[in-house]
Amino acid sequence: MDSYLGIRSRVDCASTDANVPLSIGLPAISIGAGGQGGGAHTRHEWYHPDGREVGLQRILLALAALEEEATAPFAP
């Protein structure tokens, strides 16, 4: 996916909504939607959407790959 989009993914540590399913033992991932932000949870929180289209494309490609995997016939 990275090579298709011309990007390089990175592993990062953060608090996300994925914490909720993880806390009850369900698998979860968080995929960045693009853009840049800072000052989270303060009165000075900000967000710039530059690069958001790439983040959204990444999400759609991941969903398409999961759908393809889920509908592929099982081959023993």
PDB file of N, CA and C in Angstrom:
ATOM      1  N   MET A   1       0.815  -1.169   0.000  1.00  0.00           N
ATOM      2  CA  MET A   1       0.000   0.000   0.000  1.00  0.00           C
ATOM      3  C   MET A   1       0.878   1.258   0.000  1.00  0.00           C
ATOM      4  N   ASP A   2       1.936   1.253   0.809  1.00  0.00           N
ATOM      5  CA  ASP A   2       2.814   2.418   0.863  1.00  0.00           C
ATOM      6  C   ASP A   2       3.429   2.724  -0.496  1.00  0.00           C
ATOM      7  N   SER A   3       3.920   1.705  -1.172  1.00  0.00           N
ATOM      8  CA  SER A   3       4.554   1.946  -2.466  1.00  0.00           C
ATOM      9  C   SER A   3       3.538   2.449  -3.487  1.00  0.00           C
ATOM     10  N   TYR A   4       2.323   1.952  -3.428  1.00  0.00           N
ATOM     11  CA  TYR A   4       1.264   2.400  -4.336  1.00  0.00           C
ATOM     12  C   TYR A   4       0.958   3.879  -4.122  1.00  0.00           C
ATOM     13  N   LEU A   5       0.941   4.308  -2.859  1.00  0.00           N
ATOM     14  CA  LEU A   5       0.617   5.691  -2.533  1.00  0.00           C
ATOM     15  C   LEU A   5       1.842   6.600  -2.491  1.00  0.00           C
ATOM     16  N   GLY A   6       3.046   6.008  -2.571  1.00  0.00           N
ATOM     17  CA  GLY A   6       4.269   6.806  -2.516  1.00  0.00           C
ATOM     18  C   GLY A   6       4.526   7.395  -1.138  1.00  0.00           C
ATOM     19  N   ILE A   7       4.198   6.631  -0.102  1.00  0.00           N
ATOM     20  CA  ILE A   7       4.396   7.086   1.273  1.00  0.00           C
ATOM     21  C   ILE A   7       5.164   6.041   2.059  1.00  0.00           C
ATOM     22  N   ARG A   8       5.486   6.365   3.299  1.00  0.00           N
ATOM     23  CA  ARG A   8       6.135   5.408   4.185  1.00  0.00           C
ATOM     24  C   ARG A   8       5.407   5.443   5.524  1.00  0.00           C
ATOM     25  N   SER A   9       4.761   4.348   5.866  1.00  0.00           N
ATOM     26  CA  SER A   9       4.053   4.250   7.143  1.00  0.00           C
ATOM     27  C   SER A   9       5.049   4.149   8.275  1.00  0.00           C
ATOM     28  N   ARG A  10       4.601   4.527   9.462  1.00  0.00           N
ATOM     29  CA  ARG A  10       5.450   4.403  10.639  1.00  0.00           C
ATOM     30  C   ARG A  10       4.585   3.958  11.813  1.00  0.00           C
ATOM     31  N   VAL A  11       5.202   3.229  12.697  1.00  0.00           N
ATOM     32  CA  VAL A  11       4.537   2.805  13.919  1.00  0.00           C
ATOM     33  C   VAL A  11       4.709   3.929  14.935  1.00  0.00           C
ATOM     34  N   ASP A  12       3.632   4.258  15.603  1.00  0.00           N
ATOM     35  CA  ASP A  12       3.669   5.328  16.583  1.00  0.00           C
ATOM     36  C   ASP A  12       2.842   4.915  17.785  1.00  0.00           C
ATOM     37  N   CYS A  13       3.034   5.569  18.873  1.00  0.00           N
ATOM     38  CA  CYS A  13       2.293   5.275  20.093  1.00  0.00           C
ATOM     39  C   CYS A  13       1.417   6.478  20.419  1.00  0.00           C
ATOM     40  N   ALA A  14       0.129   6.221  20.599  1.00  0.00           N
ATOM     41  CA  ALA A  14      -0.794   7.299  20.931  1.00  0.00           C
ATOM     42  C   ALA A  14      -2.055   6.713  21.537  1.00  0.00           C
ATOM     43  N   SER A  15      -2.827   7.561  22.133  1.00  0.00           N
ATOM     44  CA  SER A  15      -4.124   7.155  22.650  1.00  0.00           C
ATOM     45  C   SER A  15      -5.147   7.376  21.537  1.00  0.00           C
ATOM     46  N   THR A  16      -5.901   6.337  21.194  1.00  0.00           N
ATOM     47  CA  THR A  16      -6.882   6.432  20.113  1.00  0.00           C
ATOM     48  C   THR A  16      -8.166   5.742  20.527  1.00  0.00           C
ATOM     49  N   ASP A  17      -9.174   5.834  19.678  1.00  0.00           N
ATOM     50  CA  ASP A  17     -10.429   5.128  19.935  1.00  0.00           C
ATOM     51  C   ASP A  17     -10.241   3.612  19.855  1.00  0.00           C
ATOM     52  N   ALA A  18      -9.113   3.151  19.311  1.00  0.00           N
ATOM     53  CA  ALA A  18      -8.836   1.714  19.278  1.00  0.00           C
ATOM     54  C   ALA A  18      -8.622   1.166  20.685  1.00  0.00           C
ATOM     55  N   ASN A  19      -8.380   2.038  21.653  1.00  0.00           N
ATOM     56  CA  ASN A  19      -8.193   1.583  23.031  1.00  0.00           C
ATOM     57  C   ASN A  19      -9.445   0.918  23.589  1.00  0.00           C
ATOM     58  N   VAL A  20     -10.624   1.332  23.126  1.00  0.00           N
ATOM     59  CA  VAL A  20     -11.868   0.777  23.660  1.00  0.00           C
ATOM     60  C   VAL A  20     -11.994  -0.713  23.341  1.00  0.00           C
ATOM     61  N   PRO A  21     -11.941  -1.136  22.055  1.00  0.00           N
ATOM     62  CA  PRO A  21     -12.028  -2.580  21.802  1.00  0.00           C
ATOM     63  C   PRO A  21     -10.841  -3.351  22.386  1.00  0.00           C
ATOM     64  N   LEU A  22      -9.645  -2.755  22.351  1.00  0.00           N
ATOM     65  CA  LEU A  22      -8.483  -3.427  22.925  1.00  0.00           C
ATOM     66  C   LEU A  22      -8.681  -3.701  24.412  1.00  0.00           C
ATOM     67  N   SER A  23      -9.342  -2.783  25.109  1.00  0.00           N
ATOM     68  CA  SER A  23      -9.531  -2.937  26.553  1.00  0.00           C
ATOM     69  C   SER A  23     -10.453  -4.098  26.907  1.00  0.00           C
ATOM     70  N   ILE A  24     -11.264  -4.550  25.933  1.00  0.00           N
ATOM     71  CA  ILE A  24     -12.151  -5.695  26.187  1.00  0.00           C
ATOM     72  C   ILE A  24     -11.727  -6.932  25.394  1.00  0.00           C
ATOM     73  N   GLY A  25     -10.464  -6.924  24.944  1.00  0.00           N
ATOM     74  CA  GLY A  25      -9.894  -8.103  24.308  1.00  0.00           C
ATOM     75  C   GLY A  25     -10.190  -8.273  22.832  1.00  0.00           C
ATOM     76  N   LEU A  26     -10.702  -7.247  22.175  1.00  0.00           N
ATOM     77  CA  LEU A  26     -10.967  -7.330  20.734  1.00  0.00           C
ATOM     78  C   LEU A  26      -9.804  -6.714  19.961  1.00  0.00           C
ATOM     79  N   PRO A  27      -9.428  -7.321  18.824  1.00  0.00           N
ATOM     80  CA  PRO A  27      -8.340  -6.743  18.032  1.00  0.00           C
ATOM     81  C   PRO A  27      -8.776  -5.409  17.423  1.00  0.00           C
ATOM     82  N   ALA A  28      -7.852  -4.491  17.302  1.00  0.00           N
ATOM     83  CA  ALA A  28      -8.157  -3.181  16.736  1.00  0.00           C
ATOM     84  C   ALA A  28      -6.891  -2.534  16.196  1.00  0.00           C
ATOM     85  N   ILE A  29      -7.067  -1.666  15.213  1.00  0.00           N
ATOM     86  CA  ILE A  29      -5.960  -0.864  14.696  1.00  0.00           C
ATOM     87  C   ILE A  29      -6.461   0.572  14.554  1.00  0.00           C
ATOM     88  N   SER A  30      -5.542   1.481  14.463  1.00  0.00           N
ATOM     89  CA  SER A  30      -5.860   2.876  14.206  1.00  0.00           C
ATOM     90  C   SER A  30      -5.037   3.302  13.006  1.00  0.00           C
ATOM     91  N   ILE A  31      -5.700   3.830  11.999  1.00  0.00           N
ATOM     92  CA  ILE A  31      -5.018   4.264  10.781  1.00  0.00           C
ATOM     93  C   ILE A  31      -5.171   5.775  10.680  1.00  0.00           C
ATOM     94  N   GLY A  32      -4.064   6.465  10.619  1.00  0.00           N
ATOM     95  CA  GLY A  32      -4.118   7.923  10.509  1.00  0.00           C
ATOM     96  C   GLY A  32      -4.863   8.362   9.264  1.00  0.00           C
ATOM     97  N   ALA A  33      -5.649   9.411   9.405  1.00  0.00           N
ATOM     98  CA  ALA A  33      -6.437   9.917   8.279  1.00  0.00           C
ATOM     99  C   ALA A  33      -5.744  11.063   7.557  1.00  0.00           C
ATOM    100  N   GLY A  34      -4.499  11.321   7.887  1.00  0.00           N
ATOM    101  CA  GLY A  34      -3.761  12.385   7.218  1.00  0.00           C
ATOM    102  C   GLY A  34      -3.909  13.722   7.910  1.00  0.00           C
ATOM    103  N   GLY A  35      -3.175  14.686   7.438  1.00  0.00           N
ATOM    104  CA  GLY A  35      -3.181  16.002   8.049  1.00  0.00           C
ATOM    105  C   GLY A  35      -2.200  16.072   9.201  1.00  0.00           C
ATOM    106  N   GLN A  36      -2.083  17.241   9.754  1.00  0.00           N
ATOM    107  CA  GLN A  36      -1.184  17.479  10.878  1.00  0.00           C
ATOM    108  C   GLN A  36      -1.952  18.201  11.966  1.00  0.00           C
ATOM    109  N   GLY A  37      -1.633  17.894  13.208  1.00  0.00           N
ATOM    110  CA  GLY A  37      -2.305  18.564  14.313  1.00  0.00           C
ATOM    111  C   GLY A  37      -1.401  18.664  15.510  1.00  0.00           C
ATOM    112  N   GLY A  38      -1.860  19.396  16.488  1.00  0.00           N
ATOM    113  CA  GLY A  38      -1.099  19.548  17.709  1.00  0.00           C
ATOM    114  C   GLY A  38      -1.961  20.122  18.822  1.00  0.00           C
ATOM    115  N   GLY A  39      -1.412  20.163  20.019  1.00  0.00           N
ATOM    116  CA  GLY A  39      -2.117  20.712  21.164  1.00  0.00           C
ATOM    117  C   GLY A  39      -3.358  19.931  21.544  1.00  0.00           C
ATOM    118  N   ALA A  40      -3.317  18.610  21.360  1.00  0.00           N
ATOM    119  CA  ALA A  40      -4.508  17.779  21.590  1.00  0.00           C
ATOM    120  C   ALA A  40      -5.095  17.995  22.977  1.00  0.00           C
ATOM    121  N   HIS A  41      -6.401  18.081  23.014  1.00  0.00           N
ATOM    122  CA  HIS A  41      -7.180  18.192  24.257  1.00  0.00           C
ATOM    123  C   HIS A  41      -6.874  19.454  25.050  1.00  0.00           C
ATOM    124  N   THR A  42      -6.490  20.508  24.337  1.00  0.00           N
ATOM    125  CA  THR A  42      -6.277  21.805  24.981  1.00  0.00           C
ATOM    126  C   THR A  42      -7.085  22.856  24.225  1.00  0.00           C
ATOM    127  N   ARG A  43      -7.145  24.045  24.761  1.00  0.00           N
ATOM    128  CA  ARG A  43      -7.823  25.138  24.049  1.00  0.00           C
ATOM    129  C   ARG A  43      -7.039  25.583  22.818  1.00  0.00           C
ATOM    130  N   HIS A  44      -5.808  25.093  22.694  1.00  0.00           N
ATOM    131  CA  HIS A  44      -4.957  25.478  21.559  1.00  0.00           C
ATOM    132  C   HIS A  44      -4.814  24.343  20.543  1.00  0.00           C
ATOM    133  N   GLU A  45      -5.723  23.379  20.600  1.00  0.00           N
ATOM    134  CA  GLU A  45      -5.678  22.268  19.646  1.00  0.00           C
ATOM    135  C   GLU A  45      -5.866  22.816  18.234  1.00  0.00           C
ATOM    136  N   TRP A  46      -5.106  22.262  17.283  1.00  0.00           N
ATOM    137  CA  TRP A  46      -5.188  22.718  15.899  1.00  0.00           C
ATOM    138  C   TRP A  46      -5.072  21.545  14.943  1.00  0.00           C
ATOM    139  N   TYR A  47      -5.519  21.762  13.717  1.00  0.00           N
ATOM    140  CA  TYR A  47      -5.463  20.736  12.671  1.00  0.00           C
ATOM    141  C   TYR A  47      -5.351  21.414  11.316  1.00  0.00           C
ATOM    142  N   HIS A  48      -4.431  20.911  10.490  1.00  0.00           N
ATOM    143  CA  HIS A  48      -4.297  21.341   9.096  1.00  0.00           C
ATOM    144  C   HIS A  48      -4.499  20.110   8.218  1.00  0.00           C
ATOM    145  N   PRO A  49      -5.431  20.159   7.266  1.00  0.00           N
ATOM    146  CA  PRO A  49      -5.774  18.981   6.481  1.00  0.00           C
ATOM    147  C   PRO A  49      -4.814  18.638   5.347  1.00  0.00           C
ATOM    148  N   ASP A  50      -3.689  19.329   5.216  1.00  0.00           N
ATOM    149  CA  ASP A  50      -2.735  19.010   4.148  1.00  0.00           C
ATOM    150  C   ASP A  50      -2.350  17.534   4.210  1.00  0.00           C
ATOM    151  N   GLY A  51      -2.510  16.811   3.109  1.00  0.00           N
ATOM    152  CA  GLY A  51      -2.179  15.391   3.041  1.00  0.00           C
ATOM    153  C   GLY A  51      -3.329  14.476   3.441  1.00  0.00           C
ATOM    154  N   ARG A  52      -4.472  15.040   3.774  1.00  0.00           N
ATOM    155  CA  ARG A  52      -5.609  14.229   4.208  1.00  0.00           C
ATOM    156  C   ARG A  52      -6.065  13.254   3.133  1.00  0.00           C
ATOM    157  N   GLU A  53      -5.983  13.660   1.870  1.00  0.00           N
ATOM    158  CA  GLU A  53      -6.450  12.771   0.790  1.00  0.00           C
ATOM    159  C   GLU A  53      -5.654  11.469   0.753  1.00  0.00           C
ATOM    160  N   VAL A  54      -4.373  11.512   1.079  1.00  0.00           N
ATOM    161  CA  VAL A  54      -3.556  10.294   1.097  1.00  0.00           C
ATOM    162  C   VAL A  54      -3.988   9.394   2.253  1.00  0.00           C
ATOM    163  N   GLY A  55      -4.274   9.984   3.398  1.00  0.00           N
ATOM    164  CA  GLY A  55      -4.757   9.201   4.535  1.00  0.00           C
ATOM    165  C   GLY A  55      -6.071   8.507   4.222  1.00  0.00           C
ATOM    166  N   LEU A  56      -6.979   9.213   3.562  1.00  0.00           N
ATOM    167  CA  LEU A  56      -8.265   8.617   3.193  1.00  0.00           C
ATOM    168  C   LEU A  56      -8.088   7.521   2.141  1.00  0.00           C
ATOM    169  N   GLN A  57      -7.172   7.720   1.203  1.00  0.00           N
ATOM    170  CA  GLN A  57      -6.886   6.677   0.206  1.00  0.00           C
ATOM    171  C   GLN A  57      -6.332   5.433   0.896  1.00  0.00           C
ATOM    172  N   ARG A  58      -5.474   5.617   1.886  1.00  0.00           N
ATOM    173  CA  ARG A  58      -4.906   4.486   2.625  1.00  0.00           C
ATOM    174  C   ARG A  58      -6.018   3.688   3.306  1.00  0.00           C
ATOM    175  N   ILE A  59      -6.961   4.380   3.926  1.00  0.00           N
ATOM    176  CA  ILE A  59      -8.075   3.708   4.593  1.00  0.00           C
ATOM    177  C   ILE A  59      -8.911   2.915   3.591  1.00  0.00           C
ATOM    178  N   LEU A  60      -9.232   3.513   2.445  1.00  0.00           N
ATOM    179  CA  LEU A  60     -10.029   2.812   1.430  1.00  0.00           C
ATOM    180  C   LEU A  60      -9.297   1.595   0.878  1.00  0.00           C
ATOM    181  N   LEU A  61      -7.991   1.710   0.640  1.00  0.00           N
ATOM    182  CA  LEU A  61      -7.218   0.565   0.155  1.00  0.00           C
ATOM    183  C   LEU A  61      -7.173  -0.551   1.191  1.00  0.00           C
ATOM    184  N   ALA A  62      -7.033  -0.203   2.460  1.00  0.00           N
ATOM    185  CA  ALA A  62      -7.019  -1.218   3.521  1.00  0.00           C
ATOM    186  C   ALA A  62      -8.360  -1.938   3.587  1.00  0.00           C
ATOM    187  N   LEU A  63      -9.452  -1.201   3.497  1.00  0.00           N
ATOM    188  CA  LEU A  63     -10.781  -1.824   3.507  1.00  0.00           C
ATOM    189  C   LEU A  63     -10.985  -2.724   2.291  1.00  0.00           C
ATOM    190  N   ALA A  64     -10.524  -2.286   1.120  1.00  0.00           N
ATOM    191  CA  ALA A  64     -10.647  -3.108  -0.088  1.00  0.00           C
ATOM    192  C   ALA A  64      -9.841  -4.393   0.055  1.00  0.00           C
ATOM    193  N   ALA A  65      -8.649  -4.313   0.630  1.00  0.00           N
ATOM    194  CA  ALA A  65      -7.820  -5.510   0.833  1.00  0.00           C
ATOM    195  C   ALA A  65      -8.485  -6.471   1.813  1.00  0.00           C
ATOM    196  N   LEU A  66      -9.069  -5.946   2.879  1.00  0.00           N
ATOM    197  CA  LEU A  66      -9.769  -6.798   3.845  1.00  0.00           C
ATOM    198  C   LEU A  66     -10.987  -7.455   3.218  1.00  0.00           C
ATOM    199  N   GLU A  67     -11.709  -6.722   2.407  1.00  0.00           N
ATOM    200  CA  GLU A  67     -12.885  -7.265   1.725  1.00  0.00           C
ATOM    201  C   GLU A  67     -12.470  -8.380   0.770  1.00  0.00           C
ATOM    202  N   GLU A  68     -11.395  -8.150   0.031  1.00  0.00           N
ATOM    203  CA  GLU A  68     -10.901  -9.163  -0.899  1.00  0.00           C
ATOM    204  C   GLU A  68     -10.488 -10.418  -0.158  1.00  0.00           C
ATOM    205  N   GLU A  69      -9.810 -10.261   0.958  1.00  0.00           N
ATOM    206  CA  GLU A  69      -9.383 -11.404   1.759  1.00  0.00           C
ATOM    207  C   GLU A  69     -10.586 -12.152   2.340  1.00  0.00           C
ATOM    208  N   ALA A  70     -11.588 -11.409   2.783  1.00  0.00           N
ATOM    209  CA  ALA A  70     -12.752 -12.021   3.411  1.00  0.00           C
ATOM    210  C   ALA A  70     -13.613 -12.786   2.397  1.00  0.00           C
ATOM    211  N   THR A  71     -13.594 -12.375   1.142  1.00  0.00           N
ATOM    212  CA  THR A  71     -14.441 -13.022   0.136  1.00  0.00           C
ATOM    213  C   THR A  71     -13.669 -14.018  -0.738  1.00  0.00           C
ATOM    214  N   ALA A  72     -12.370 -14.165  -0.507  1.00  0.00           N
ATOM    215  CA  ALA A  72     -11.581 -15.104  -1.298  1.00  0.00           C
ATOM    216  C   ALA A  72     -11.975 -16.541  -0.937  1.00  0.00           C
ATOM    217  N   PRO A  73     -12.080 -17.408  -1.943  1.00  0.00           N
ATOM    218  CA  PRO A  73     -12.415 -18.803  -1.637  1.00  0.00           C
ATOM    219  C   PRO A  73     -11.307 -19.472  -0.833  1.00  0.00           C
ATOM    220  N   PHE A  74     -11.692 -20.311   0.092  1.00  0.00           N
ATOM    221  CA  PHE A  74     -10.729 -21.036   0.927  1.00  0.00           C
ATOM    222  C   PHE A  74     -10.078 -22.138   0.098  1.00  0.00           C
ATOM    223  N   ALA A  75      -8.743 -22.169   0.094  1.00  0.00           N
ATOM    224  CA  ALA A  75      -8.007 -23.220  -0.615  1.00  0.00           C
ATOM    225  C   ALA A  75      -7.153 -23.973   0.407  1.00  0.00           C
ATOM    226  N   PRO A  76      -7.456 -25.252   0.651  1.00  0.00           N
ATOM    227  CA  PRO A  76      -6.675 -26.023   1.639  1.00  0.00           C
ATOM    228  C   PRO A  76      -5.258 -26.262   1.209  1.00  0.00           C
TER     229      PRO A  76
END
